[in-house]
Protein backbone atom coordinates (compact mmCIF):
# COMPACT_ATOMS: atom_id res chain seq x y z
CA UNK A 1 0.00 0.00 0.00
CA UNK A 2 1.40 3.35 -1.06
CA UNK A 3 1.10 6.30 1.33
CA UNK A 4 -0.66 9.43 0.12
CA UNK A 5 1.82 12.27 -0.41
CA UNK A 6 1.33 15.21 1.94
CA UNK A 7 1.64 18.82 0.78
CA UNK A 8 4.16 20.55 3.09
CA UNK A 9 3.02 24.02 2.06
CA UNK A 10 -0.73 23.55 2.52
CA UNK A 11 -0.26 21.45 5.68
CA UNK A 12 1.96 23.93 7.53
CA UNK A 13 0.27 25.18 10.68
CA UNK A 14 -2.87 23.07 10.19
CA UNK A 15 -4.25 20.29 12.37
CA UNK A 16 -5.09 18.18 9.30
CA UNK A 17 -2.57 17.41 6.56
CA UNK A 18 -3.47 18.34 2.98
CA UNK A 19 -2.96 15.78 0.24
CA UNK A 20 -0.47 16.71 -2.48
CA UNK A 21 -2.11 17.69 -5.80
CA UNK A 22 0.99 16.37 -7.60
CA UNK A 23 0.92 17.33 -11.31
CA UNK A 24 -1.82 19.91 -10.67
CA UNK A 25 0.54 21.86 -8.39
CA UNK A 26 3.07 24.45 -9.52
CA UNK A 27 5.60 23.15 -6.95
CA UNK A 28 5.45 19.53 -8.16
CA UNK A 29 8.64 18.41 -9.91
CA UNK A 30 7.44 15.87 -12.45
CA UNK A 31 10.96 14.70 -13.35
CA UNK A 32 11.67 13.90 -9.67
CA UNK A 33 8.11 12.79 -8.84
CA UNK A 34 8.17 14.89 -5.68
CA UNK A 35 7.46 18.35 -4.32
CA UNK A 36 9.84 21.20 -5.05
CA UNK A 37 9.63 22.22 -1.38
CA UNK A 38 11.25 18.90 -0.39
CA UNK A 39 13.99 19.44 -2.98
CA UNK A 40 14.65 22.97 -1.69
CA UNK A 41 14.86 21.69 1.90
CA UNK A 42 17.17 18.82 0.91
CA UNK A 43 19.51 21.15 -0.99
CA UNK A 44 19.54 23.61 1.92
CA UNK A 45 20.47 20.81 4.34
CA UNK A 46 23.31 19.73 2.04
CA UNK A 47 24.50 23.33 1.81
CA UNK A 48 24.52 23.69 5.61
CA UNK A 49 26.37 20.39 6.01
CA UNK A 50 28.97 21.48 3.44
CA UNK A 51 29.49 24.81 5.20
CA UNK A 52 29.92 23.05 8.55
CA UNK A 53 32.54 20.65 7.18
CA UNK A 54 34.46 23.46 5.41
CA UNK A 55 34.44 25.71 8.48
CA UNK A 56 37.90 26.92 9.45
CA UNK A 57 38.80 27.15 13.17
PDB file of N, CA and C in Angstrom:
ATOM      1  N   UNK A   1       0.840  -1.190   0.000  1.00  0.00           N
ATOM      2  CA  UNK A   1       0.000   0.000   0.000  1.00  0.00           C
ATOM      3  C   UNK A   1       0.878   1.244   0.000  1.00  0.00           C
ATOM      4  N   UNK A   2       0.619   2.131  -0.932  1.00  0.00           N
ATOM      5  CA  UNK A   2       1.399   3.353  -1.059  1.00  0.00           C
ATOM      6  C   UNK A   2       0.771   4.470  -0.236  1.00  0.00           C
ATOM      7  N   UNK A   3       1.601   5.192   0.517  1.00  0.00           N
ATOM      8  CA  UNK A   3       1.100   6.303   1.331  1.00  0.00           C
ATOM      9  C   UNK A   3       0.735   7.484   0.435  1.00  0.00           C
ATOM     10  N   UNK A   4      -0.297   8.214   0.832  1.00  0.00           N
ATOM     11  CA  UNK A   4      -0.660   9.432   0.118  1.00  0.00           C
ATOM     12  C   UNK A   4       0.387  10.501   0.391  1.00  0.00           C
ATOM     13  N   UNK A   5       0.857  11.196  -0.635  1.00  0.00           N
ATOM     14  CA  UNK A   5       1.823  12.267  -0.405  1.00  0.00           C
ATOM     15  C   UNK A   5       1.143  13.461   0.256  1.00  0.00           C
ATOM     16  N   UNK A   6       1.842  14.069   1.189  1.00  0.00           N
ATOM     17  CA  UNK A   6       1.328  15.215   1.935  1.00  0.00           C
ATOM     18  C   UNK A   6       1.953  16.493   1.385  1.00  0.00           C
ATOM     19  N   UNK A   7       1.145  17.521   1.244  1.00  0.00           N
ATOM     20  CA  UNK A   7       1.637  18.820   0.777  1.00  0.00           C
ATOM     21  C   UNK A   7       2.236  19.579   1.968  1.00  0.00           C
ATOM     22  N   UNK A   8       3.543  19.851   1.957  1.00  0.00           N
ATOM     23  CA  UNK A   8       4.156  20.551   3.088  1.00  0.00           C
ATOM     24  C   UNK A   8       3.709  22.009   3.185  1.00  0.00           C
ATOM     25  N   UNK A   9       3.409  22.617   2.068  1.00  0.00           N
ATOM     26  CA  UNK A   9       3.019  24.020   2.057  1.00  0.00           C
ATOM     27  C   UNK A   9       1.600  24.221   2.590  1.00  0.00           C
ATOM     28  N   UNK A  10       0.661  23.418   2.107  1.00  0.00           N
ATOM     29  CA  UNK A  10      -0.734  23.547   2.518  1.00  0.00           C
ATOM     30  C   UNK A  10      -0.990  22.953   3.906  1.00  0.00           C
ATOM     31  N   UNK A  11      -0.090  22.085   4.370  1.00  0.00           N
ATOM     32  CA  UNK A  11      -0.261  21.449   5.675  1.00  0.00           C
ATOM     33  C   UNK A  11       0.361  22.242   6.820  1.00  0.00           C
ATOM     34  N   UNK A  12       1.245  23.160   6.498  1.00  0.00           N
ATOM     35  CA  UNK A  12       1.958  23.925   7.527  1.00  0.00           C
ATOM     36  C   UNK A  12       0.983  24.703   8.409  1.00  0.00           C
ATOM     37  N   UNK A  13       1.077  24.464   9.707  1.00  0.00           N
ATOM     38  CA  UNK A  13       0.265  25.179  10.678  1.00  0.00           C
ATOM     39  C   UNK A  13      -1.167  24.687  10.808  1.00  0.00           C
ATOM     40  N   UNK A  14      -1.510  23.610  10.128  1.00  0.00           N
ATOM     41  CA  UNK A  14      -2.874  23.069  10.186  1.00  0.00           C
ATOM     42  C   UNK A  14      -2.910  21.790  11.014  1.00  0.00           C
ATOM     43  N   UNK A  15      -4.058  21.514  11.602  1.00  0.00           N
ATOM     44  CA  UNK A  15      -4.252  20.289  12.374  1.00  0.00           C
ATOM     45  C   UNK A  15      -4.345  19.065  11.457  1.00  0.00           C
ATOM     46  N   UNK A  16      -4.880  19.276  10.244  1.00  0.00           N
ATOM     47  CA  UNK A  16      -5.087  18.185   9.295  1.00  0.00           C
ATOM     48  C   UNK A  16      -4.169  18.389   8.100  1.00  0.00           C
ATOM     49  N   UNK A  17      -3.462  17.336   7.708  1.00  0.00           N
ATOM     50  CA  UNK A  17      -2.568  17.414   6.559  1.00  0.00           C
ATOM     51  C   UNK A  17      -3.354  17.462   5.252  1.00  0.00           C
ATOM     52  N   UNK A  18      -2.866  18.246   4.305  1.00  0.00           N
ATOM     53  CA  UNK A  18      -3.474  18.341   2.979  1.00  0.00           C
ATOM     54  C   UNK A  18      -2.765  17.370   2.038  1.00  0.00           C
ATOM     55  N   UNK A  19      -3.530  16.722   1.205  1.00  0.00           N
ATOM     56  CA  UNK A  19      -2.961  15.778   0.244  1.00  0.00           C
ATOM     57  C   UNK A  19      -2.338  16.552  -0.907  1.00  0.00           C
ATOM     58  N   UNK A  20      -1.196  16.097  -1.364  1.00  0.00           N
ATOM     59  CA  UNK A  20      -0.474  16.710  -2.484  1.00  0.00           C
ATOM     60  C   UNK A  20      -1.297  16.598  -3.768  1.00  0.00           C
ATOM     61  N   UNK A  21      -1.383  17.678  -4.528  1.00  0.00           N
ATOM     62  CA  UNK A  21      -2.113  17.690  -5.797  1.00  0.00           C
ATOM     63  C   UNK A  21      -1.243  17.181  -6.946  1.00  0.00           C
ATOM     64  N   UNK A  22       0.000  16.877  -6.654  1.00  0.00           N
ATOM     65  CA  UNK A  22       0.988  16.372  -7.603  1.00  0.00           C
ATOM     66  C   UNK A  22       1.026  17.199  -8.891  1.00  0.00           C
ATOM     67  N   UNK A  23       0.741  16.641 -10.033  1.00  0.00           N
ATOM     68  CA  UNK A  23       0.923  17.331 -11.307  1.00  0.00           C
ATOM     69  C   UNK A  23       0.033  18.562 -11.482  1.00  0.00           C
ATOM     70  N   UNK A  24      -0.955  18.725 -10.617  1.00  0.00           N
ATOM     71  CA  UNK A  24      -1.815  19.913 -10.672  1.00  0.00           C
ATOM     72  C   UNK A  24      -1.235  21.069  -9.865  1.00  0.00           C
ATOM     73  N   UNK A  25      -0.097  20.852  -9.237  1.00  0.00           N
ATOM     74  CA  UNK A  25       0.539  21.864  -8.392  1.00  0.00           C
ATOM     75  C   UNK A  25       1.757  22.467  -9.085  1.00  0.00           C
ATOM     76  N   UNK A  26       1.934  23.763  -8.918  1.00  0.00           N
ATOM     77  CA  UNK A  26       3.073  24.451  -9.521  1.00  0.00           C
ATOM     78  C   UNK A  26       4.401  24.036  -8.888  1.00  0.00           C
ATOM     79  N   UNK A  27       4.375  23.546  -7.645  1.00  0.00           N
ATOM     80  CA  UNK A  27       5.602  23.150  -6.949  1.00  0.00           C
ATOM     81  C   UNK A  27       6.011  21.709  -7.233  1.00  0.00           C
ATOM     82  N   UNK A  28       5.157  20.944  -7.909  1.00  0.00           N
ATOM     83  CA  UNK A  28       5.448  19.530  -8.161  1.00  0.00           C
ATOM     84  C   UNK A  28       6.498  19.401  -9.251  1.00  0.00           C
ATOM     85  N   UNK A  29       7.551  18.653  -8.962  1.00  0.00           N
ATOM     86  CA  UNK A  29       8.639  18.414  -9.912  1.00  0.00           C
ATOM     87  C   UNK A  29       8.403  17.065 -10.578  1.00  0.00           C
ATOM     88  N   UNK A  30       7.826  17.092 -11.756  1.00  0.00           N
ATOM     89  CA  UNK A  30       7.443  15.871 -12.454  1.00  0.00           C
ATOM     90  C   UNK A  30       8.641  14.954 -12.699  1.00  0.00           C
ATOM     91  N   UNK A  31       9.771  15.516 -13.064  1.00  0.00           N
ATOM     92  CA  UNK A  31      10.956  14.705 -13.354  1.00  0.00           C
ATOM     93  C   UNK A  31      11.479  13.969 -12.114  1.00  0.00           C
ATOM     94  N   UNK A  32      11.245  14.526 -10.920  1.00  0.00           N
ATOM     95  CA  UNK A  32      11.675  13.897  -9.672  1.00  0.00           C
ATOM     96  C   UNK A  32      10.538  13.159  -8.970  1.00  0.00           C
ATOM     97  N   UNK A  33       9.317  13.373  -9.432  1.00  0.00           N
ATOM     98  CA  UNK A  33       8.111  12.788  -8.839  1.00  0.00           C
ATOM     99  C   UNK A  33       7.984  13.144  -7.359  1.00  0.00           C
ATOM    100  N   UNK A  34       8.270  14.402  -7.055  1.00  0.00           N
ATOM    101  CA  UNK A  34       8.167  14.888  -5.681  1.00  0.00           C
ATOM    102  C   UNK A  34       7.930  16.399  -5.678  1.00  0.00           C
ATOM    103  N   UNK A  35       7.716  16.924  -4.510  1.00  0.00           N
ATOM    104  CA  UNK A  35       7.455  18.348  -4.317  1.00  0.00           C
ATOM    105  C   UNK A  35       8.751  19.163  -4.356  1.00  0.00           C
ATOM    106  N   UNK A  36       8.687  20.311  -4.995  1.00  0.00           N
ATOM    107  CA  UNK A  36       9.838  21.203  -5.051  1.00  0.00           C
ATOM    108  C   UNK A  36      10.257  21.704  -3.685  1.00  0.00           C
ATOM    109  N   UNK A  37       9.312  21.788  -2.744  1.00  0.00           N
ATOM    110  CA  UNK A  37       9.628  22.217  -1.380  1.00  0.00           C
ATOM    111  C   UNK A  37      10.595  21.225  -0.729  1.00  0.00           C
ATOM    112  N   UNK A  38      10.352  19.931  -0.936  1.00  0.00           N
ATOM    113  CA  UNK A  38      11.246  18.905  -0.393  1.00  0.00           C
ATOM    114  C   UNK A  38      12.636  19.009  -1.012  1.00  0.00           C
ATOM    115  N   UNK A  39      12.694  19.299  -2.297  1.00  0.00           N
ATOM    116  CA  UNK A  39      13.987  19.441  -2.981  1.00  0.00           C
ATOM    117  C   UNK A  39      14.732  20.655  -2.450  1.00  0.00           C
ATOM    118  N   UNK A  40      14.021  21.767  -2.259  1.00  0.00           N
ATOM    119  CA  UNK A  40      14.647  22.968  -1.687  1.00  0.00           C
ATOM    120  C   UNK A  40      15.200  22.689  -0.293  1.00  0.00           C
ATOM    121  N   UNK A  41      14.424  21.999   0.532  1.00  0.00           N
ATOM    122  CA  UNK A  41      14.857  21.687   1.897  1.00  0.00           C
ATOM    123  C   UNK A  41      16.070  20.764   1.883  1.00  0.00           C
ATOM    124  N   UNK A  42      16.048  19.765   1.009  1.00  0.00           N
ATOM    125  CA  UNK A  42      17.166  18.824   0.913  1.00  0.00           C
ATOM    126  C   UNK A  42      18.448  19.553   0.488  1.00  0.00           C
ATOM    127  N   UNK A  43      18.345  20.402  -0.529  1.00  0.00           N
ATOM    128  CA  UNK A  43      19.513  21.153  -0.990  1.00  0.00           C
ATOM    129  C   UNK A  43      20.027  22.111   0.080  1.00  0.00           C
ATOM    130  N   UNK A  44      19.123  22.716   0.837  1.00  0.00           N
ATOM    131  CA  UNK A  44      19.540  23.614   1.918  1.00  0.00           C
ATOM    132  C   UNK A  44      20.279  22.838   3.004  1.00  0.00           C
ATOM    133  N   UNK A  45      19.802  21.634   3.325  1.00  0.00           N
ATOM    134  CA  UNK A  45      20.472  20.805   4.336  1.00  0.00           C
ATOM    135  C   UNK A  45      21.868  20.407   3.861  1.00  0.00           C
ATOM    136  N   UNK A  46      21.988  20.067   2.583  1.00  0.00           N
ATOM    137  CA  UNK A  46      23.312  19.728   2.038  1.00  0.00           C
ATOM    138  C   UNK A  46      24.242  20.933   2.077  1.00  0.00           C
ATOM    139  N   UNK A  47      23.711  22.108   1.785  1.00  0.00           N
ATOM    140  CA  UNK A  47      24.501  23.334   1.814  1.00  0.00           C
ATOM    141  C   UNK A  47      24.992  23.630   3.226  1.00  0.00           C
ATOM    142  N   UNK A  48      24.129  23.464   4.212  1.00  0.00           N
ATOM    143  CA  UNK A  48      24.517  23.687   5.608  1.00  0.00           C
ATOM    144  C   UNK A  48      25.590  22.687   6.021  1.00  0.00           C
ATOM    145  N   UNK A  49      25.402  21.426   5.662  1.00  0.00           N
ATOM    146  CA  UNK A  49      26.369  20.390   6.008  1.00  0.00           C
ATOM    147  C   UNK A  49      27.733  20.692   5.385  1.00  0.00           C
ATOM    148  N   UNK A  50      27.717  21.140   4.121  1.00  0.00           N
ATOM    149  CA  UNK A  50      28.972  21.477   3.439  1.00  0.00           C
ATOM    150  C   UNK A  50      29.674  22.644   4.128  1.00  0.00           C
ATOM    151  N   UNK A  51      28.908  23.655   4.521  1.00  0.00           N
ATOM    152  CA  UNK A  51      29.495  24.813   5.201  1.00  0.00           C
ATOM    153  C   UNK A  51      30.080  24.430   6.555  1.00  0.00           C
ATOM    154  N   UNK A  52      29.421  23.492   7.252  1.00  0.00           N
ATOM    155  CA  UNK A  52      29.923  23.049   8.552  1.00  0.00           C
ATOM    156  C   UNK A  52      31.212  22.253   8.410  1.00  0.00           C
ATOM    157  N   UNK A  53      31.334  21.456   7.356  1.00  0.00           N
ATOM    158  CA  UNK A  53      32.540  20.650   7.180  1.00  0.00           C
ATOM    159  C   UNK A  53      33.709  21.491   6.659  1.00  0.00           C
ATOM    160  N   UNK A  54      33.408  22.602   5.956  1.00  0.00           N
ATOM    161  CA  UNK A  54      34.459  23.461   5.413  1.00  0.00           C
ATOM    162  C   UNK A  54      34.814  24.608   6.349  1.00  0.00           C
ATOM    163  N   UNK A  55      34.213  24.636   7.524  1.00  0.00           N
ATOM    164  CA  UNK A  55      34.441  25.715   8.478  1.00  0.00           C
ATOM    165  C   UNK A  55      35.882  25.670   8.981  1.00  0.00           C
ATOM    166  N   UNK A  56      36.518  26.827   8.957  1.00  0.00           N
ATOM    167  CA  UNK A  56      37.897  26.915   9.452  1.00  0.00           C
ATOM    168  C   UNK A  56      37.882  27.352  10.911  1.00  0.00           C
ATOM    169  N   UNK A  57      38.766  26.799  11.741  1.00  0.00           N
ATOM    170  CA  UNK A  57      38.799  27.147  13.171  1.00  0.00           C
ATOM    171  C   UNK A  57      39.257  28.554  13.443  1.00  0.00           C
TER     172      UNK A  57
END
